[in-house]
C-alpha atoms as a PDB file:
ATOM      1  CA  MET A   1      18.481 -22.177   1.621  1.00  0.00           C
ATOM      2  CA  ALA A   2      18.086 -21.243  -2.039  1.00  0.00           C
ATOM      3  CA  MET A   3      14.702 -21.483  -3.694  1.00  0.00           C
ATOM      4  CA  LEU A   4      13.331 -21.303  -7.208  1.00  0.00           C
ATOM      5  CA  ILE A   5      10.826 -18.681  -8.269  1.00  0.00           C
ATOM      6  CA  GLY A   6       7.825 -20.999  -7.801  1.00  0.00           C
ATOM      7  CA  GLU A   7       8.746 -21.731  -4.203  1.00  0.00           C
ATOM      8  CA  LEU A   8       9.275 -18.028  -3.465  1.00  0.00           C
ATOM      9  CA  ALA A   9       5.882 -17.296  -4.988  1.00  0.00           C
ATOM     10  CA  THR A  10       4.242 -19.962  -2.821  1.00  0.00           C
ATOM     11  CA  ARG A  11       5.947 -18.773   0.364  1.00  0.00           C
ATOM     12  CA  THR A  12       5.040 -15.113  -0.175  1.00  0.00           C
ATOM     13  CA  GLY A  13       1.676 -15.273  -1.939  1.00  0.00           C
ATOM     14  CA  ALA A  14       3.092 -13.365  -4.907  1.00  0.00           C
ATOM     15  CA  THR A  15       2.775 -14.545  -8.470  1.00  0.00           C
ATOM     16  CA  THR A  16       5.852 -15.510 -10.449  1.00  0.00           C
ATOM     17  CA  ARG A  17       4.968 -12.691 -12.820  1.00  0.00           C
ATOM     18  CA  ALA A  18       5.035 -10.189  -9.930  1.00  0.00           C
ATOM     19  CA  LEU A  19       8.403 -11.531  -8.765  1.00  0.00           C
ATOM     20  CA  ARG A  20       9.865 -11.077 -12.239  1.00  0.00           C
ATOM     21  CA  TYR A  21       8.436  -7.548 -12.294  1.00  0.00           C
ATOM     22  CA  TYR A  22       9.966  -6.694  -8.896  1.00  0.00           C
ATOM     23  CA  GLU A  23      13.277  -7.947 -10.219  1.00  0.00           C
ATOM     24  CA  ALA A  24      12.971  -5.903 -13.415  1.00  0.00           C
ATOM     25  CA  GLN A  25      12.256  -2.830 -11.256  1.00  0.00           C
ATOM     26  CA  GLY A  26      15.373  -3.405  -9.153  1.00  0.00           C
ATOM     27  CA  LEU A  27      13.504  -4.342  -5.970  1.00  0.00           C
ATOM     28  CA  LEU A  28      14.497  -8.009  -5.948  1.00  0.00           C
ATOM     29  CA  GLU A  29      17.639  -9.857  -6.968  1.00  0.00           C
ATOM     30  CA  SER A  30      18.227 -13.416  -8.022  1.00  0.00           C
ATOM     31  CA  GLU A  31      21.054 -15.522  -9.256  1.00  0.00           C
ATOM     32  CA  ARG A  32      20.806 -17.888 -12.191  1.00  0.00           C
ATOM     33  CA  THR A  33      21.487 -21.578 -12.325  1.00  0.00           C
ATOM     34  CA  GLY A  34      23.376 -23.100 -15.238  1.00  0.00           C
ATOM     35  CA  ASN A  35      20.084 -23.754 -17.011  1.00  0.00           C
ATOM     36  CA  GLY A  36      18.866 -20.173 -16.456  1.00  0.00           C
ATOM     37  CA  TYR A  37      16.448 -20.700 -13.556  1.00  0.00           C
ATOM     38  CA  ARG A  38      16.154 -17.870 -11.062  1.00  0.00           C
ATOM     39  CA  VAL A  39      17.403 -18.782  -7.580  1.00  0.00           C
ATOM     40  CA  TYR A  40      16.612 -16.664  -4.523  1.00  0.00           C
ATOM     41  CA  GLY A  41      18.213 -16.632  -1.095  1.00  0.00           C
ATOM     42  CA  PRO A  42      16.256 -16.955   2.163  1.00  0.00           C
ATOM     43  CA  GLY A  43      16.130 -13.169   2.631  1.00  0.00           C
ATOM     44  CA  ALA A  44      13.980 -12.880  -0.487  1.00  0.00           C
ATOM     45  CA  VAL A  45      10.904 -14.016   1.456  1.00  0.00           C
ATOM     46  CA  THR A  46      11.120 -11.046   3.835  1.00  0.00           C
ATOM     47  CA  ARG A  47      11.913  -8.641   1.008  1.00  0.00           C
ATOM     48  CA  VAL A  48       8.940  -9.756  -1.098  1.00  0.00           C
ATOM     49  CA  ARG A  49       6.567  -9.660   1.879  1.00  0.00           C
ATOM     50  CA  ASN A  50       7.717  -6.116   2.637  1.00  0.00           C
ATOM     51  CA  ILE A  51       7.306  -5.049  -0.984  1.00  0.00           C
ATOM     52  CA  ARG A  52       3.787  -6.480  -1.023  1.00  0.00           C
ATOM     53  CA  ASP A  53       2.973  -4.857   2.327  1.00  0.00           C
ATOM     54  CA  LEU A  54       4.071  -1.436   1.101  1.00  0.00           C
ATOM     55  CA  LEU A  55       2.170  -1.854  -2.164  1.00  0.00           C
ATOM     56  CA  ALA A  56      -0.942  -2.888  -0.210  1.00  0.00           C
ATOM     57  CA  SER A  57      -0.502   0.267   1.896  1.00  0.00           C
ATOM     58  CA  GLY A  58      -1.014   2.393  -1.204  1.00  0.00           C
ATOM     59  CA  PHE A  59       2.546   2.945  -2.322  1.00  0.00           C
ATOM     60  CA  THR A  60       3.573   2.532  -5.951  1.00  0.00           C
ATOM     61  CA  VAL A  61       6.561   0.472  -7.065  1.00  0.00           C
ATOM     62  CA  GLU A  62       8.461   3.727  -7.555  1.00  0.00           C
ATOM     63  CA  ASP A  63       7.566   4.708  -3.978  1.00  0.00           C
ATOM     64  CA  VAL A  64       8.769   1.356  -2.645  1.00  0.00           C
ATOM     65  CA  LYS A  65      12.210   2.095  -4.074  1.00  0.00           C
ATOM     66  CA  SER A  66      12.452   4.866  -1.453  1.00  0.00           C
ATOM     67  CA  PHE A  67      12.220   2.222   1.289  1.00  0.00           C
ATOM     68  CA  VAL A  68      14.969  -0.084  -0.006  1.00  0.00           C
ATOM     69  CA  ALA A  69      16.991   0.303   3.209  1.00  0.00           C
ATOM     70  CA  TYR A  70      14.102  -1.291   5.136  1.00  0.00           C
ATOM     71  CA  LEU A  71      13.129  -4.124   2.790  1.00  0.00           C
ATOM     72  CA  ASP A  72      15.436  -6.840   4.110  1.00  0.00           C
ATOM     73  CA  ASP A  73      14.194  -6.701   7.721  1.00  0.00           C
ATOM     74  CA  ASP A  74      10.725  -6.925   9.184  1.00  0.00           C
ATOM     75  CA  LEU A  75       9.082  -3.555   8.646  1.00  0.00           C
ATOM     76  CA  PRO A  76       8.739  -1.628  11.894  1.00  0.00           C
ATOM     77  CA  GLU A  77       5.291  -0.770  13.215  1.00  0.00           C
ATOM     78  CA  VAL A  78       6.515   2.816  13.462  1.00  0.00           C
ATOM     79  CA  PHE A  79       9.348   4.136  11.335  1.00  0.00           C
ATOM     80  CA  THR A  80      11.919   6.205  13.196  1.00  0.00           C
ATOM     81  CA  TYR A  81      13.799   8.887  11.344  1.00  0.00           C
ATOM     82  CA  SER A  82      16.824   7.719   9.433  1.00  0.00           C
ATOM     83  CA  PRO A  83      18.745   9.831   6.905  1.00  0.00           C
ATOM     84  CA  THR A  84      19.036   6.751   4.685  1.00  0.00           C
ATOM     85  CA  CYS A  85      15.251   6.773   4.176  1.00  0.00           C
ATOM     86  CA  ALA A  86      14.551  10.511   4.051  1.00  0.00           C
ATOM     87  CA  ASP A  87      13.045  10.033   0.584  1.00  0.00           C
ATOM     88  CA  GLY A  88      10.718   7.397   1.994  1.00  0.00           C
ATOM     89  CA  TYR A  89       9.395   9.809   4.601  1.00  0.00           C
ATOM     90  CA  GLY A  90       8.631  12.392   1.945  1.00  0.00           C
ATOM     91  CA  VAL A  91       6.867   9.764  -0.147  1.00  0.00           C
ATOM     92  CA  GLY A  92       4.895   8.651   2.908  1.00  0.00           C
ATOM     93  CA  ALA A  93       3.836  12.213   3.694  1.00  0.00           C
ATOM     94  CA  GLN A  94       2.713  12.703   0.087  1.00  0.00           C
ATOM     95  CA  ARG A  95       0.662   9.465   0.174  1.00  0.00           C
ATOM     96  CA  VAL A  96      -1.036  10.505   3.429  1.00  0.00           C
ATOM     97  CA  ALA A  97      -1.918  13.905   1.935  1.00  0.00           C
ATOM     98  CA  GLU A  98      -3.346  12.218  -1.186  1.00  0.00           C
ATOM     99  CA  LEU A  99      -5.381   9.805   0.936  1.00  0.00           C
ATOM    100  CA  ASP A 100      -6.719  12.662   3.083  1.00  0.00           C
ATOM    101  CA  GLU A 101      -7.803  14.444  -0.086  1.00  0.00           C
ATOM    102  CA  ARG A 102      -9.509  11.313  -1.449  1.00  0.00           C
ATOM    103  CA  ILE A 103     -11.256  10.637   1.887  1.00  0.00           C
ATOM    104  CA  ALA A 104     -12.589  14.210   2.006  1.00  0.00           C
ATOM    105  CA  SER A 105     -13.789  13.975  -1.595  1.00  0.00           C
ATOM    106  CA  LEU A 106     -15.460  10.600  -1.042  1.00  0.00           C
ATOM    107  CA  SER A 107     -17.085  11.866   2.159  1.00  0.00           C
ATOM    108  CA  ARG A 108     -18.542  14.830   0.258  1.00  0.00           C
ATOM    109  CA  LEU A 109     -19.851  12.530  -2.491  1.00  0.00           C
ATOM    110  CA  ARG A 110     -21.316  10.141   0.070  1.00  0.00           C
ATOM    111  CA  GLY A 111     -23.042  13.034   1.838  1.00  0.00           C
ATOM    112  CA  ILE A 112     -24.622  14.174  -1.424  1.00  0.00           C
ATOM    113  CA  LEU A 113     -25.849  10.661  -2.191  1.00  0.00           C
ATOM    114  CA  VAL A 114     -27.284  10.155   1.319  1.00  0.00           C
ATOM    115  CA  ARG A 115     -29.092  13.520   1.172  1.00  0.00           C
ATOM    116  CA  ARG A 116     -30.622  12.594  -2.189  1.00  0.00           C
ATOM    117  CA  MET A 117     -31.443   9.018  -1.192  1.00  0.00           C
ATOM    118  CA  PRO A 118     -31.884   9.047   2.587  1.00  0.00           C
ATOM    119  CA  TRP A 119     -33.096   5.442   2.683  1.00  0.00           C
ATOM    120  CA  LEU A 120     -29.503   4.386   1.904  1.00  0.00           C
ATOM    121  CA  ALA A 121     -28.187   5.985   5.084  1.00  0.00           C
ATOM    122  CA  ALA A 122     -27.395   4.236   8.310  1.00  0.00           C
ATOM    123  CA  PRO A 123     -29.510   5.559  11.240  1.00  0.00           C
ATOM    124  CA  ALA A 124     -26.674   7.840  12.388  1.00  0.00           C
ATOM    125  CA  ASP A 125     -26.339   9.230   8.845  1.00  0.00           C
ATOM    126  CA  ALA A 126     -30.071   9.941   8.674  1.00  0.00           C
ATOM    127  CA  ALA A 127     -29.955  11.825  11.980  1.00  0.00           C
ATOM    128  CA  ALA A 128     -26.975  13.859  10.764  1.00  0.00           C
ATOM    129  CA  ALA A 129     -28.748  14.594   7.455  1.00  0.00           C
ATOM    130  CA  ASP A 130     -31.861  15.724   9.367  1.00  0.00           C
ATOM    131  CA  ALA A 131     -29.704  17.965  11.553  1.00  0.00           C
ATOM    132  CA  ASP A 132     -27.995  19.417   8.452  1.00  0.00           C
ATOM    133  CA  ALA A 133     -31.408  20.032   6.850  1.00  0.00           C
ATOM    134  CA  GLY A 134     -32.554  21.802  10.021  1.00  0.00           C
ATOM    135  CA  ASP A 135     -29.434  23.981   9.985  1.00  0.00           C
ATOM    136  CA  GLU A 136     -30.053  24.915   6.343  1.00  0.00           C
ATOM    137  CA  SER A 137     -33.713  25.786   6.914  1.00  0.00           C
ATOM    138  CA  ALA A 138     -32.799  27.979   9.900  1.00  0.00           C
ATOM    139  CA  ALA A 139     -30.428  30.019   7.745  1.00  0.00           C
END
């Protein structure tokens, strides 16, 4: 069942602007009617949902291109190794490393803020801050 861009947008929660962008980036394909309207096949719904899912997971559009072999089927809960997506695994590993770095940095910043303004801390944070203060004074 072919659908126009507005229907695809409605069915996937994407904007028509985003769909045009995905197409310009080579992630999505359409055909054109005689009057120039974009027409998408039924597989476009799955593809767009997968693109949006990967983007929501922290990948960039360039990263998503590494997962092209997976975009037309439901994304697996756990990816198994496939030589066709070796680039995707490298991109995934890089994203995880970047997230780990950001989490560590944010945790350090949060710790500084909680130590300076202990009334902002949850009870468990306050106890941990007190324990840290005790460790520092013992040194």
